[in-house]
Amino acid sequence: MPRIPYVYPAPGESQIADKIRERRKDGKLIELDGILLNSPSIAEGYSALLKAVRTDNSLPEDVRELMILRVAALNSAAYEWLAHEPLARSAGLTSTQLEVVRDVSTVPATHQTTKGLLTPVQEAALIYADHMTRNIKVPDDIFRKLRENLQDDRKVLEATATIAGYNMVSRILVALDVADKANLDVPLVDTN
């Protein structure tokens, strides 16, 4: 049970809720929106930030979704994983690659198990997400590797903002038990 109630204003009752509905594919508020709408100004700012992170950036889709899923795996955010795994598959990530992303037992500094399974930019993004999420501070060599692979300071900032933003998302999801998924394990990848 979520720790605070969902708030779902009817269409036309809240400009903020209506703006969030416009951002959603089917025009319906999801559980996360219902939690955030306990504070309309937070919901509005959150929606603007995540729109920029998810749709108004220059990152390759596979890299963006890989980073989002790695944060979800590291923070045990099943809701986040379930929402983004289909997007990652649509962006071209394979079941084998998703297994690597989900395997949080991998030591971030080496990622020996990723050799040949991830592209160099995907591996650099995965390692960067690990350090940002687990340690906050990113060693210079890890930063340089990401920058070399993205080849663009804008993309480096967008990668950093994506990881930071989805760390915020996962913390809200888990702390407030959105959709009753806080105690679920991040699901195994469907290999069918």
Protein backbone atom coordinates (compact mmCIF):
# COMPACT_ATOMS: atom_id res chain seq x y z
CA MET A 1 0.00 0.00 0.00
CA PRO A 2 1.49 3.38 -0.89
CA ARG A 3 2.55 5.34 2.17
CA ILE A 4 0.61 8.43 1.12
CA PRO A 5 -2.64 8.50 -0.89
CA TYR A 6 -2.82 8.98 -4.62
CA VAL A 7 -4.30 12.28 -5.78
CA TYR A 8 -6.07 12.10 -9.14
CA PRO A 9 -7.83 15.37 -9.97
CA ALA A 10 -10.55 14.94 -12.59
CA PRO A 11 -9.81 16.40 -16.03
CA GLY A 12 -10.28 20.16 -15.91
CA GLU A 13 -9.83 20.39 -12.11
CA SER A 14 -6.06 20.94 -12.13
CA GLN A 15 -4.01 22.59 -14.87
CA ILE A 16 -0.93 20.78 -13.59
CA ALA A 17 -2.60 17.36 -13.68
CA ASP A 18 -3.97 18.13 -17.16
CA LYS A 19 -0.49 19.11 -18.38
CA ILE A 20 0.90 15.84 -17.02
CA ARG A 21 -1.90 13.95 -18.80
CA GLU A 22 -0.81 15.59 -22.07
CA ARG A 23 2.71 14.20 -21.55
CA ARG A 24 1.41 10.67 -21.00
CA LYS A 25 0.93 8.47 -24.06
CA ASP A 26 -2.65 7.47 -23.31
CA GLY A 27 -3.54 10.71 -21.51
CA LYS A 28 -3.99 8.96 -18.16
CA LEU A 29 -2.23 9.68 -14.90
CA ILE A 30 -0.12 6.83 -13.52
CA GLU A 31 0.48 5.91 -9.87
CA LEU A 32 3.67 7.96 -9.72
CA ASP A 33 1.72 11.03 -10.90
CA GLY A 34 -0.89 10.35 -8.21
CA ILE A 35 1.80 10.38 -5.52
CA LEU A 36 3.48 13.51 -6.87
CA LEU A 37 0.19 15.39 -7.13
CA ASN A 38 0.10 15.53 -3.33
CA SER A 39 2.27 18.59 -4.03
CA PRO A 40 1.20 20.18 -7.32
CA SER A 41 4.32 22.35 -7.58
CA ILE A 42 6.59 19.31 -7.09
CA ALA A 43 4.54 17.37 -9.66
CA GLU A 44 4.84 20.23 -12.15
CA GLY A 45 8.61 20.61 -11.73
CA TYR A 46 9.15 16.86 -11.76
CA SER A 47 7.18 16.53 -14.98
CA ALA A 48 9.17 19.28 -16.69
CA LEU A 49 12.50 17.82 -15.58
CA LEU A 50 11.68 14.26 -16.60
CA LYS A 51 10.32 15.41 -19.97
CA ALA A 52 13.68 17.07 -20.65
CA VAL A 53 15.59 14.02 -19.46
CA ARG A 54 13.46 11.47 -21.33
CA THR A 55 12.48 13.15 -24.57
CA ASP A 56 14.30 16.45 -25.06
CA ASN A 57 17.90 15.30 -25.06
CA SER A 58 20.51 14.17 -27.55
CA LEU A 59 21.56 10.88 -25.94
CA PRO A 60 21.19 7.67 -27.94
CA GLU A 61 18.01 5.96 -26.72
CA ASP A 62 19.76 2.70 -25.84
CA VAL A 63 22.30 4.52 -23.67
CA ARG A 64 19.62 6.57 -21.91
CA GLU A 65 17.45 3.54 -21.16
CA LEU A 66 20.47 1.47 -20.07
CA MET A 67 21.37 4.13 -17.49
CA ILE A 68 17.78 4.38 -16.25
CA LEU A 69 17.55 0.61 -15.85
CA ARG A 70 20.93 0.41 -14.10
CA VAL A 71 19.73 2.97 -11.54
CA ALA A 72 16.52 0.96 -11.10
CA ALA A 73 18.51 -2.24 -10.56
CA LEU A 74 20.97 -0.62 -8.13
CA ASN A 75 18.16 0.96 -6.09
CA SER A 76 15.82 -2.07 -6.23
CA ALA A 77 13.15 0.00 -7.96
CA ALA A 78 10.99 -2.68 -9.59
CA TYR A 79 8.36 -0.12 -10.70
CA GLU A 80 11.03 1.83 -12.60
CA TRP A 81 12.47 -1.33 -14.18
CA LEU A 82 9.04 -2.54 -15.31
CA ALA A 83 8.26 0.85 -16.87
CA HIS A 84 11.56 1.13 -18.75
CA GLU A 85 12.48 -2.42 -19.77
CA PRO A 86 10.07 -2.32 -22.77
CA LEU A 87 11.50 1.08 -23.78
CA ALA A 88 15.03 -0.34 -23.57
CA ARG A 89 14.04 -3.27 -25.77
CA SER A 90 12.47 -0.87 -28.28
CA ALA A 91 15.75 1.07 -28.25
CA GLY A 92 17.59 -2.10 -29.24
CA LEU A 93 18.91 -3.57 -25.99
CA THR A 94 18.89 -7.36 -26.04
CA SER A 95 17.91 -9.74 -23.25
CA THR A 96 21.59 -10.56 -22.72
CA GLN A 97 22.47 -6.88 -22.41
CA LEU A 98 19.56 -6.33 -20.01
CA GLU A 99 20.86 -9.20 -17.84
CA VAL A 100 24.21 -7.39 -17.62
CA VAL A 101 22.44 -4.17 -16.65
CA ARG A 102 20.36 -5.97 -14.02
CA ASP A 103 23.34 -7.82 -12.48
CA VAL A 104 24.33 -5.40 -9.72
CA SER A 105 26.86 -7.83 -8.29
CA THR A 106 29.27 -6.83 -11.05
CA VAL A 107 32.13 -4.73 -9.69
CA PRO A 108 31.73 -1.34 -11.37
CA ALA A 109 35.42 -0.61 -11.90
CA THR A 110 36.03 -3.72 -14.01
CA HIS A 111 32.80 -5.03 -15.51
CA GLN A 112 34.67 -8.06 -16.76
CA THR A 113 31.40 -9.77 -17.63
CA THR A 114 30.42 -7.04 -20.11
CA LYS A 115 33.28 -7.62 -22.53
CA GLY A 116 31.71 -7.95 -25.94
CA LEU A 117 28.16 -7.78 -24.61
CA LEU A 118 27.88 -3.99 -24.46
CA THR A 119 29.16 -1.40 -26.88
CA PRO A 120 31.96 0.82 -25.54
CA VAL A 121 29.55 3.73 -24.99
CA GLN A 122 27.05 1.46 -23.22
CA GLU A 123 29.78 0.08 -20.95
CA ALA A 124 31.07 3.58 -20.15
CA ALA A 125 27.50 4.69 -19.34
CA LEU A 126 26.91 1.64 -17.13
CA ILE A 127 30.10 2.22 -15.13
CA TYR A 128 29.34 5.95 -14.83
CA ALA A 129 25.82 5.16 -13.55
CA ASP A 130 27.31 2.76 -11.00
CA HIS A 131 29.68 5.36 -9.61
CA MET A 132 27.11 8.16 -9.55
CA THR A 133 24.54 5.96 -7.82
CA ARG A 134 26.74 4.03 -5.41
CA ASN A 135 29.44 6.58 -4.57
CA ILE A 136 28.21 9.92 -5.94
CA LYS A 137 31.82 10.90 -6.69
CA VAL A 138 33.04 9.72 -10.07
CA PRO A 139 36.76 9.01 -10.52
CA ASP A 140 38.48 11.01 -13.26
CA ASP A 141 39.24 7.94 -15.39
CA ILE A 142 35.56 6.88 -15.35
CA PHE A 143 34.48 10.40 -16.32
CA ARG A 144 37.07 10.59 -19.12
CA LYS A 145 35.90 7.24 -20.51
CA LEU A 146 32.29 8.44 -20.67
CA ARG A 147 33.32 11.75 -22.25
CA GLU A 148 35.50 9.98 -24.84
CA ASN A 149 32.61 7.71 -25.80
CA LEU A 150 29.90 10.37 -25.89
CA GLN A 151 32.23 12.88 -27.61
CA ASP A 152 30.04 15.81 -26.62
CA ASP A 153 29.81 17.85 -23.41
CA ARG A 154 26.07 18.28 -23.87
CA LYS A 155 25.64 14.50 -23.90
CA VAL A 156 27.85 14.18 -20.81
CA LEU A 157 25.61 16.63 -18.96
CA GLU A 158 22.49 14.85 -20.21
CA ALA A 159 23.86 11.47 -19.10
CA THR A 160 24.65 12.92 -15.68
CA ALA A 161 21.20 14.51 -15.39
CA THR A 162 19.54 11.25 -16.49
CA ILE A 163 21.30 9.24 -13.79
CA ALA A 164 20.68 11.91 -11.15
CA GLY A 165 17.03 12.32 -12.18
CA TYR A 166 16.28 8.61 -12.11
CA ASN A 167 17.99 8.25 -8.75
CA MET A 168 15.39 10.79 -7.57
CA VAL A 169 12.62 8.82 -9.26
CA SER A 170 13.68 5.51 -7.73
CA ARG A 171 13.95 7.01 -4.26
CA ILE A 172 10.40 8.39 -4.48
CA LEU A 173 9.07 5.10 -5.83
CA VAL A 174 10.71 2.95 -3.17
CA ALA A 175 10.36 5.25 -0.14
CA LEU A 176 6.65 5.86 -0.78
CA ASP A 177 5.93 2.31 -2.02
CA VAL A 178 4.32 3.49 -5.25
CA ALA A 179 2.07 0.79 -6.76
CA ASP A 180 3.00 -1.59 -3.93
CA LYS A 181 6.31 -2.48 -5.59
CA ALA A 182 8.85 -1.27 -3.00
CA ASN A 183 9.40 -4.76 -1.64
CA LEU A 184 9.56 -6.53 -5.01
CA ASP A 185 12.83 -7.59 -6.56
CA VAL A 186 13.72 -6.13 -9.91
CA PRO A 187 12.31 -8.82 -12.22
CA LEU A 188 14.41 -11.19 -14.25
CA VAL A 189 14.64 -10.31 -17.89
CA ASP A 190 12.11 -12.10 -20.08
CA THR A 191 14.19 -13.93 -22.66
CA ASN A 192 11.24 -14.89 -24.85
